[in-house]
């Protein structure tokens, strides 16, 4: 007999045969004075312990071995050594004996007949009791029958199983049960049945085949019965979840499997240009060596500095003199050139090297006098004002120009104020001081 041998399967033992009939070897070393018995065992309900036995006849007196009985493959063979304690020697002492009664011990070895030849018997063992050896013998017989009929339905042992057993073959699984006998099902279907809870299997088996179950079936018997009676329930034990469908990695995804593209990012519209916030600008004065920054000059409603996108306003007209006969005609400065976008703004405080903004009154120049009009053609010409600048961190202060015959360069300060008709010289415009104190002469 051949078949799969699990890791806990005992090894094979070879027992020599003399002339094919006389068994010479024993599986253990007997003690002195032990009584050896060899027998063939099989399950029998009529026996007191459920097992019947046929003893092998020992050899002639003084010879060794046992004459083999009628055995075949799969039979259980047991070896037993009955060991009696040695008897005490008799004594002449009149005292009564108080020794304990002798206890008989037994040494057993159980195995099943795996193969027979003319010179030896191959037994697989030992097993703890005859039932274990008998169950292993049935597994070996099932495996042998499955190999002898490849591609066909293998035959099952005629004798029913004596315990619940499980045998795996190449394509099938055979489960032995005391009540249901041998159950042969495909291995894959039996594996699927084991994945279901026993309560669910028992519920569906009761609904499909009433009266089939006794209520004491172990899980492997329920799985085998479910694989045999309700295979449709076990067709798909672990279906994939609905939200995660199974897809072949080599198959391109369908349009429904492709996630929608993300929406394009929305670009907010550019807000309209607004005046710069004065509070966010730096209060540090600009460096004289670096060009002024636009952030240093906040835009106010009174500021008339032209912006790059708008043309500059026309130059203002100088104030009319009080006496046309004693004053000189006021020259008109040429219109300032349009401001370039690359030209930096200048500080509000005029300096000697700075240029007045385009929105302020143009300075008087001696090199480019304006032609006299028809109303003041007879007025005598006078020298221009002294170009001394009015430098102050607060604002322009009055200044008395030095009139001379030699014309000086064009002044960079503000234009002249009203003239005195008696003296014929321009008078400075006093500062608008709040609440001047009476009795104090203003400069």
Protein backbone atom coordinates (compact mmCIF):
# COMPACT_ATOMS: atom_id res chain seq x y z
CA UNK A 1 0.00 0.00 0.00
CA UNK A 2 1.24 3.49 -0.88
CA UNK A 3 -0.02 6.88 0.12
CA UNK A 4 0.84 10.27 1.52
CA UNK A 5 2.62 10.26 4.84
CA UNK A 6 2.04 13.30 7.08
CA UNK A 7 4.76 14.56 9.36
CA UNK A 8 3.25 12.67 12.33
CA UNK A 9 2.98 9.39 10.40
CA UNK A 10 5.07 6.66 12.03
CA UNK A 11 7.82 5.02 9.97
CA UNK A 12 7.72 1.63 8.32
CA UNK A 13 9.16 -1.34 10.17
CA UNK A 14 10.38 -4.53 8.46
CA UNK A 15 9.76 -7.91 10.17
CA UNK A 16 11.59 -10.92 8.77
CA UNK A 17 9.71 -14.06 7.66
CA UNK A 18 11.21 -17.51 7.70
CA UNK A 19 10.03 -19.56 4.70
CA UNK A 20 7.25 -17.01 4.31
CA UNK A 21 5.39 -18.21 7.40
CA UNK A 22 7.36 -17.77 10.59
CA UNK A 23 7.70 -14.25 12.04
CA UNK A 24 11.12 -13.90 13.65
CA UNK A 25 11.35 -10.27 14.86
CA UNK A 26 9.58 -8.30 17.57
CA UNK A 27 9.15 -4.46 17.65
CA UNK A 28 10.50 -4.13 21.23
CA UNK A 29 12.95 -5.89 23.56
CA UNK A 30 10.97 -8.09 26.00
CA UNK A 31 11.71 -8.25 29.68
CA UNK A 32 12.80 -11.45 31.33
CA UNK A 33 9.91 -13.67 32.19
CA UNK A 34 7.42 -11.65 30.04
CA UNK A 35 4.71 -13.42 28.12
CA UNK A 36 4.59 -12.32 24.41
CA UNK A 37 1.42 -12.43 22.33
CA UNK A 38 0.85 -11.42 18.69
CA UNK A 39 -2.67 -11.02 17.25
CA UNK A 40 -4.62 -9.60 14.34
CA UNK A 41 -7.21 -7.01 15.42
CA UNK A 42 -10.35 -5.70 13.76
CA UNK A 43 -13.43 -3.82 14.94
CA UNK A 44 -16.28 -6.09 16.09
CA UNK A 45 -19.40 -4.87 17.91
CA UNK A 46 -19.87 -8.27 19.55
CA UNK A 47 -16.60 -8.08 21.40
CA UNK A 48 -16.60 -6.68 24.97
CA UNK A 49 -14.34 -3.79 24.05
CA UNK A 50 -15.47 -3.45 20.43
CA UNK A 51 -12.41 -5.17 19.01
CA UNK A 52 -11.99 -8.80 18.08
CA UNK A 53 -8.60 -10.52 17.91
CA UNK A 54 -7.03 -13.68 16.42
CA UNK A 55 -3.80 -14.77 18.13
CA UNK A 56 -0.88 -16.05 16.15
CA UNK A 57 0.39 -19.48 17.17
CA UNK A 58 3.85 -19.41 18.73
CA UNK A 59 6.59 -21.59 17.40
CA UNK A 60 7.36 -25.04 18.81
CA UNK A 61 8.72 -25.25 22.32
CA UNK A 62 12.26 -24.04 22.42
CA UNK A 63 11.99 -22.30 19.00
CA UNK A 64 11.52 -18.62 18.33
CA UNK A 65 8.91 -16.74 16.40
CA UNK A 66 5.21 -16.95 15.63
CA UNK A 67 3.33 -18.53 12.78
CA UNK A 68 1.58 -15.77 10.80
CA UNK A 69 -2.15 -16.01 10.66
CA UNK A 70 -4.51 -15.06 7.85
CA UNK A 71 -3.70 -11.38 7.23
CA UNK A 72 -3.99 -8.91 4.37
CA UNK A 73 -3.03 -5.35 3.60
CA UNK A 74 -4.51 -2.88 6.04
CA UNK A 75 -4.98 -5.31 8.90
CA UNK A 76 -4.03 -4.12 12.36
CA UNK A 77 -1.40 -6.25 14.09
CA UNK A 78 -0.73 -5.89 17.80
CA UNK A 79 2.21 -7.06 19.91
CA UNK A 80 1.74 -7.31 23.68
CA UNK A 81 4.21 -8.25 26.42
CA UNK A 82 2.60 -9.21 29.72
CA UNK A 83 5.10 -8.60 32.48
CA UNK A 84 4.57 -10.30 35.88
CA UNK A 85 6.57 -9.23 38.94
CA UNK A 86 8.99 -11.83 40.30
CA UNK A 87 7.71 -13.96 43.16
CA UNK A 88 9.36 -13.78 46.56
CA UNK A 89 11.24 -16.81 47.84
CA UNK A 90 9.43 -18.80 50.57
CA UNK A 91 10.69 -18.29 54.13
CA UNK A 92 10.31 -20.24 57.41
CA UNK A 93 9.51 -17.15 59.45
CA UNK A 94 6.27 -17.57 61.43
CA UNK A 95 5.41 -13.90 61.01
CA UNK A 96 2.46 -13.25 58.71
CA UNK A 97 3.21 -11.78 55.27
CA UNK A 98 2.08 -8.23 54.59
CA UNK A 99 3.36 -7.87 50.98
CA UNK A 100 1.17 -6.04 48.42
CA UNK A 101 -0.34 -8.13 45.67
CA UNK A 102 1.66 -8.29 42.45
CA UNK A 103 0.69 -5.89 39.60
CA UNK A 104 0.85 -7.10 36.01
CA UNK A 105 2.14 -4.65 33.42
CA UNK A 106 1.65 -4.68 29.68
CA UNK A 107 3.80 -3.40 26.84
CA UNK A 108 1.85 -2.91 23.59
CA UNK A 109 2.73 -1.99 20.02
CA UNK A 110 0.10 -1.44 17.28
CA UNK A 111 0.56 -1.03 13.54
CA UNK A 112 -1.07 -1.93 10.24
CA UNK A 113 0.22 -4.17 7.49
CA UNK A 114 1.50 -1.94 4.73
CA UNK A 115 3.14 -4.47 2.39
CA UNK A 116 3.79 -8.21 2.19
CA UNK A 117 6.68 -10.01 0.53
CA UNK A 118 8.12 -13.52 0.68
CA UNK A 119 10.86 -12.49 3.07
CA UNK A 120 9.36 -9.70 5.21
CA UNK A 121 6.30 -7.96 6.47
CA UNK A 122 6.24 -4.12 6.34
CA UNK A 123 4.23 -2.60 9.17
CA UNK A 124 3.73 1.10 9.86
CA UNK A 125 3.69 1.97 13.53
CA UNK A 126 3.53 2.37 16.38
CA UNK A 127 0.13 3.91 17.05
CA UNK A 128 -1.23 4.59 20.54
CA UNK A 129 -4.22 2.26 20.18
CA UNK A 130 -5.82 -0.05 17.60
CA UNK A 131 -8.33 2.59 16.47
CA UNK A 132 -5.58 4.96 15.33
CA UNK A 133 -3.82 2.21 13.44
CA UNK A 134 -7.04 1.12 11.77
CA UNK A 135 -7.85 4.69 10.66
CA UNK A 136 -4.37 5.13 9.20
CA UNK A 137 -4.77 1.86 7.34
CA UNK A 138 -7.97 3.11 5.75
CA UNK A 139 -6.26 6.34 4.64
CA UNK A 140 -3.51 4.33 3.01
CA UNK A 141 -6.05 2.11 1.26
CA UNK A 142 -7.95 5.13 -0.12
CA UNK A 143 -4.74 6.66 -1.47
CA UNK A 144 -3.77 3.36 -3.10
CA UNK A 145 -7.14 3.01 -4.80
CA UNK A 146 -6.96 6.59 -6.05
CA UNK A 147 -3.59 5.94 -7.69
CA UNK A 148 -4.78 2.72 -9.27
CA UNK A 149 -7.70 4.49 -11.02
CA UNK A 150 -6.35 7.80 -12.36
CA UNK A 151 -8.98 9.97 -14.04
CA UNK A 152 -11.79 7.77 -12.73
CA UNK A 153 -13.86 7.66 -9.61
CA UNK A 154 -11.72 5.90 -7.04
CA UNK A 155 -13.19 3.02 -5.03
CA UNK A 156 -13.73 3.41 -1.32
CA UNK A 157 -13.07 0.85 1.39
CA UNK A 158 -15.96 -1.51 2.01
CA UNK A 159 -15.61 -1.38 5.77
CA UNK A 160 -17.07 1.76 7.31
CA UNK A 161 -14.80 4.13 9.18
CA UNK A 162 -14.46 3.57 12.88
CA UNK A 163 -13.83 7.26 13.60
CA UNK A 164 -13.95 10.63 11.87
CA UNK A 165 -11.07 10.74 9.42
CA UNK A 166 -9.84 12.94 6.60
CA UNK A 167 -7.83 11.82 3.56
CA UNK A 168 -6.50 14.12 0.83
CA UNK A 169 -5.69 12.83 -2.63
CA UNK A 170 -4.67 14.57 -5.85
CA UNK A 171 -8.12 15.89 -6.79
CA UNK A 172 -10.50 14.66 -4.11
CA UNK A 173 -10.94 14.64 -0.36
CA UNK A 174 -12.44 11.66 1.47
CA UNK A 175 -14.02 12.25 4.86
CA UNK A 176 -14.93 9.26 7.00
CA UNK A 177 -17.72 9.54 9.56
CA UNK A 178 -19.25 6.95 11.89
CA UNK A 179 -22.82 7.82 10.86
CA UNK A 180 -22.46 9.08 7.26
CA UNK A 181 -19.68 6.69 6.16
CA UNK A 182 -17.26 7.75 3.42
CA UNK A 183 -17.89 11.12 1.75
CA UNK A 184 -15.80 11.81 -1.35
CA UNK A 185 -15.90 15.40 -2.69
CA UNK A 186 -13.62 17.63 -4.81
CA UNK A 187 -10.82 19.19 -2.81
CA UNK A 188 -11.51 22.75 -3.99
CA UNK A 189 -15.18 22.58 -3.08
CA UNK A 190 -14.37 21.08 0.30
CA UNK A 191 -11.91 23.93 0.97
CA UNK A 192 -14.61 26.49 0.10
CA UNK A 193 -17.01 24.78 2.50
CA UNK A 194 -14.50 25.04 5.33
CA UNK A 195 -14.46 28.83 4.87
CA UNK A 196 -18.13 29.10 5.86
CA UNK A 197 -19.27 29.09 9.50
CA UNK A 198 -20.64 25.70 10.64
CA UNK A 199 -23.96 27.27 11.71
CA UNK A 200 -24.61 28.53 8.17
CA UNK A 201 -23.75 25.11 6.70
CA UNK A 202 -26.06 23.38 9.17
CA UNK A 203 -28.90 25.82 8.35
CA UNK A 204 -28.64 25.33 4.57
CA UNK A 205 -28.24 21.55 4.86
CA UNK A 206 -31.36 21.32 7.02
CA UNK A 207 -33.32 23.38 4.49
CA UNK A 208 -32.06 21.38 1.48
CA UNK A 209 -32.03 17.84 2.95
CA UNK A 210 -34.28 17.48 6.02
CA UNK A 211 -33.37 14.59 8.32
CA UNK A 212 -29.81 14.34 7.03
CA UNK A 213 -28.05 15.66 10.10
CA UNK A 214 -27.95 14.10 13.52
CA UNK A 215 -26.83 17.26 15.31
CA UNK A 216 -23.45 15.82 16.36
CA UNK A 217 -21.47 16.24 13.13
CA UNK A 218 -17.98 17.73 13.46
CA UNK A 219 -17.00 20.67 11.22
CA UNK A 220 -15.18 18.54 8.64
CA UNK A 221 -18.24 16.32 8.22
CA UNK A 222 -20.47 19.37 7.76
CA UNK A 223 -18.07 20.74 5.15
CA UNK A 224 -18.04 17.44 3.25
CA UNK A 225 -21.84 17.15 3.34
CA UNK A 226 -22.21 20.77 2.17
CA UNK A 227 -19.78 20.21 -0.70
CA UNK A 228 -21.82 17.16 -1.72
CA UNK A 229 -25.41 18.42 -1.25
CA UNK A 230 -25.29 22.22 -1.69
CA UNK A 231 -22.47 22.94 -4.16
CA UNK A 232 -24.38 25.95 -5.58
CA UNK A 233 -24.14 27.73 -2.23
CA UNK A 234 -20.36 27.24 -2.19
CA UNK A 235 -19.71 28.38 -5.77
CA UNK A 236 -18.43 31.81 -4.72
CA UNK A 237 -17.54 31.88 -1.01
CA UNK A 238 -15.63 35.18 -1.09
CA UNK A 239 -17.03 37.48 -3.80
CA UNK A 240 -15.15 40.73 -4.36
CA UNK A 241 -16.67 43.83 -2.78
CA UNK A 242 -19.01 45.90 -4.90
CA UNK A 243 -16.90 49.05 -4.67
CA UNK A 244 -13.68 47.30 -5.69
CA UNK A 245 -14.42 45.24 -8.84
CA UNK A 246 -11.79 42.77 -9.93
CA UNK A 247 -9.99 44.01 -13.04
CA UNK A 248 -7.32 42.38 -15.18
CA UNK A 249 -4.08 44.40 -15.02
CA UNK A 250 -3.48 43.68 -18.73
CA UNK A 251 -6.91 44.97 -19.80
CA UNK A 252 -7.24 48.73 -20.35
CA UNK A 253 -9.80 50.35 -18.09
CA UNK A 254 -13.25 51.13 -19.40
CA UNK A 255 -14.56 54.71 -19.48
CA UNK A 256 -16.60 54.00 -16.37
CA UNK A 257 -13.47 52.90 -14.47
CA UNK A 258 -11.52 56.05 -15.35
CA UNK A 259 -11.96 58.74 -12.69
CA UNK A 260 -13.15 62.12 -13.99
CA UNK A 261 -10.41 64.72 -14.48
CA UNK A 262 -10.16 67.40 -11.83
CA UNK A 263 -11.74 70.78 -12.69
CA UNK A 264 -9.34 73.46 -13.99
CA UNK A 265 -8.20 75.98 -11.40
CA UNK A 266 -10.11 79.24 -11.46
CA UNK A 267 -8.01 82.39 -11.98
CA UNK A 268 -9.45 85.37 -10.04
CA UNK A 269 -9.98 88.57 -11.99
CA UNK A 270 -7.37 91.27 -11.42
CA UNK A 271 -8.75 94.01 -9.13
CA UNK A 272 -8.77 97.61 -10.39
CA UNK A 273 -5.77 99.74 -9.59
CA UNK A 274 -6.20 101.60 -6.30
CA UNK A 275 -4.12 104.32 -4.61
CA UNK A 276 -1.28 103.05 -2.51
CA UNK A 277 -1.88 102.84 1.21
CA UNK A 278 0.10 105.50 3.07
CA UNK A 279 0.27 103.43 6.23
CA UNK A 280 2.04 100.54 4.47
CA UNK A 281 4.87 102.64 3.05
CA UNK A 282 8.23 102.96 4.69
CA UNK A 283 8.92 106.10 6.73
CA UNK A 284 12.69 105.99 6.08
CA UNK A 285 13.83 109.02 4.02
CA UNK A 286 15.28 108.17 0.59
CA UNK A 287 19.03 108.02 0.19
CA UNK A 288 20.64 110.84 -1.75
CA UNK A 289 22.75 108.38 -3.76
CA UNK A 290 19.83 106.17 -4.79
CA UNK A 291 16.90 107.14 -6.99
CA UNK A 292 13.71 107.93 -5.12
CA UNK A 293 11.13 105.20 -4.88
CA UNK A 294 7.54 105.48 -5.80
CA UNK A 295 6.57 104.13 -2.39
CA UNK A 296 8.24 107.17 -0.70
CA UNK A 297 5.72 109.61 -2.28
CA UNK A 298 2.15 108.61 -1.54
CA UNK A 299 -0.47 109.79 -3.94
CA UNK A 300 -2.95 112.26 -2.45
CA UNK A 301 -5.86 114.09 -4.03
CA UNK A 302 -3.87 117.36 -4.00
CA UNK A 303 -0.90 115.82 -5.78
CA UNK A 304 -0.79 116.89 -9.42
CA UNK A 305 2.21 114.79 -10.44
CA UNK A 306 1.37 113.33 -13.85
CA UNK A 307 1.04 109.57 -14.08
CA UNK A 308 2.59 107.63 -16.95
CA UNK A 309 -0.80 106.84 -18.42
CA UNK A 310 -2.16 110.46 -18.45
CA UNK A 311 -0.70 113.56 -20.20
CA UNK A 312 0.70 116.34 -17.98
CA UNK A 313 -1.59 119.29 -17.20
CA UNK A 314 -0.85 122.70 -18.81
CA UNK A 315 1.49 125.08 -17.01
CA UNK A 316 -0.28 127.62 -14.76
CA UNK A 317 -0.33 131.31 -15.68
CA UNK A 318 1.80 133.60 -13.45
CA UNK A 319 -0.13 136.11 -11.32
CA UNK A 320 -0.86 139.54 -12.84
CA UNK A 321 1.35 142.43 -11.56
CA UNK A 322 -0.11 145.28 -9.56
CA UNK A 323 1.39 148.05 -11.78
CA UNK A 324 2.10 147.20 -15.40
CA UNK A 325 4.23 150.38 -15.79
CA UNK A 326 6.78 149.44 -13.14
CA UNK A 327 7.06 145.72 -13.61
CA UNK A 328 8.69 143.58 -16.18
CA UNK A 329 6.81 141.14 -18.29
CA UNK A 330 6.63 137.70 -16.74
CA UNK A 331 8.32 135.14 -18.91
CA UNK A 332 6.46 132.01 -19.66
CA UNK A 333 8.38 128.79 -19.30
CA UNK A 334 8.03 126.21 -22.00
CA UNK A 335 5.67 123.36 -21.33
CA UNK A 336 7.39 120.51 -19.53
CA UNK A 337 8.09 117.37 -21.47
CA UNK A 338 5.76 114.42 -20.88
CA UNK A 339 6.82 112.34 -17.94
CA UNK A 340 8.50 109.11 -18.89
CA UNK A 341 7.47 105.90 -17.18
CA UNK A 342 11.12 105.26 -16.31
CA UNK A 343 11.67 108.68 -14.68
CA UNK A 344 11.57 108.31 -10.87
CA UNK A 345 9.54 110.65 -8.77
CA UNK A 346 11.30 113.46 -6.90
CA UNK A 347 10.90 114.34 -3.23
CA UNK A 348 8.30 116.90 -2.26
CA UNK A 349 10.91 119.22 -0.65
CA UNK A 350 12.75 121.24 -3.33
CA UNK A 351 16.55 121.19 -3.22
CA UNK A 352 19.27 122.95 -5.16
CA UNK A 353 19.76 120.02 -7.54
CA UNK A 354 16.17 118.96 -7.76
CA UNK A 355 13.63 119.87 -10.41
CA UNK A 356 10.22 121.22 -9.42
CA UNK A 357 7.35 118.95 -10.24
CA UNK A 358 5.47 119.45 -13.46
CA UNK A 359 2.32 120.60 -11.67
CA UNK A 360 4.03 123.55 -9.83
CA UNK A 361 4.65 127.07 -11.16
CA UNK A 362 7.56 127.23 -13.65
CA UNK A 363 10.66 129.24 -12.58
CA UNK A 364 11.73 132.45 -14.22
CA UNK A 365 14.63 132.26 -16.63
CA UNK A 366 16.72 135.14 -17.95
CA UNK A 367 17.99 133.34 -21.00
CA UNK A 368 14.56 132.67 -22.47
CA UNK A 369 12.43 135.80 -21.92
CA UNK A 370 8.94 135.77 -23.25
CA UNK A 371 8.13 138.37 -25.93
CA UNK A 372 6.21 141.31 -24.58
CA UNK A 373 2.57 141.48 -25.36
CA UNK A 374 0.77 144.47 -26.77
CA UNK A 375 -0.40 145.65 -23.32
CA UNK A 376 3.02 145.81 -21.62
CA UNK A 377 5.37 146.54 -24.55
CA UNK A 378 6.39 149.93 -23.09
CA UNK A 379 7.22 148.64 -19.62
CA UNK A 380 10.95 148.81 -18.74
CA UNK A 381 12.82 145.55 -18.41
CA UNK A 382 14.11 144.57 -15.02
CA UNK A 383 16.56 141.95 -13.89
CA UNK A 384 15.23 138.57 -12.75
CA UNK A 385 15.17 137.43 -9.14
CA UNK A 386 18.10 135.91 -7.32
CA UNK A 387 18.01 132.10 -7.84
CA UNK A 388 18.73 131.38 -4.22
CA UNK A 389 16.68 128.31 -3.25
CA UNK A 390 14.20 128.16 -0.41
CA UNK A 391 15.36 125.06 1.41
CA UNK A 392 13.32 124.08 4.43
CA UNK A 393 11.98 120.85 5.84
CA UNK A 394 8.60 122.50 6.51
CA UNK A 395 7.91 124.75 3.52
CA UNK A 396 9.14 127.81 1.60
CA UNK A 397 10.00 130.92 3.65
CA UNK A 398 10.18 134.57 2.46
CA UNK A 399 13.38 135.60 0.77
CA UNK A 400 14.62 139.05 -0.34
CA UNK A 401 16.27 138.71 -3.75
CA UNK A 402 19.40 140.70 -4.71
CA UNK A 403 18.68 142.68 -7.82
CA UNK A 404 21.72 143.16 -10.01
CA UNK A 405 22.43 144.13 -13.58
CA UNK A 406 24.03 140.81 -14.43
CA UNK A 407 21.45 138.17 -15.19
CA UNK A 408 21.82 135.04 -13.08
CA UNK A 409 20.81 131.52 -13.90
CA UNK A 410 17.19 130.70 -13.73
CA UNK A 411 15.95 130.32 -10.16
CA UNK A 412 14.61 127.01 -9.02
CA UNK A 413 12.33 128.36 -6.27
CA UNK A 414 8.75 129.48 -6.53
CA UNK A 415 7.71 132.45 -8.68
CA UNK A 416 7.67 136.11 -7.50
CA UNK A 417 4.94 137.54 -5.33
CA UNK A 418 3.14 140.91 -5.55
CA UNK A 419 5.22 144.07 -6.26
CA UNK A 420 5.42 147.35 -4.34
CA UNK A 421 4.47 150.20 -6.75
CA UNK A 422 6.49 152.78 -4.79
CA UNK A 423 9.77 150.90 -4.75
CA UNK A 424 9.36 148.87 -7.92
CA UNK A 425 10.81 145.74 -6.26
CA UNK A 426 8.99 142.50 -5.60
CA UNK A 427 8.01 141.85 -2.01
CA UNK A 428 8.09 138.37 -0.53
CA UNK A 429 4.91 136.67 0.39
CA UNK A 430 4.64 136.21 4.17
CA UNK A 431 4.01 132.77 5.63
CA UNK A 432 0.40 132.11 6.58
CA UNK A 433 1.09 131.75 10.29
CA UNK A 434 -1.89 130.95 12.46
CA UNK A 435 -2.89 133.81 14.84
CA UNK A 436 0.15 136.10 14.64
CA UNK A 437 0.80 137.88 17.95
CA UNK A 438 0.23 141.69 17.76
CA UNK A 439 3.35 143.83 18.10
CA UNK A 440 5.77 141.28 16.58
CA UNK A 441 7.10 142.14 13.15
CA UNK A 442 7.02 139.32 10.70
CA UNK A 443 10.15 138.72 8.63
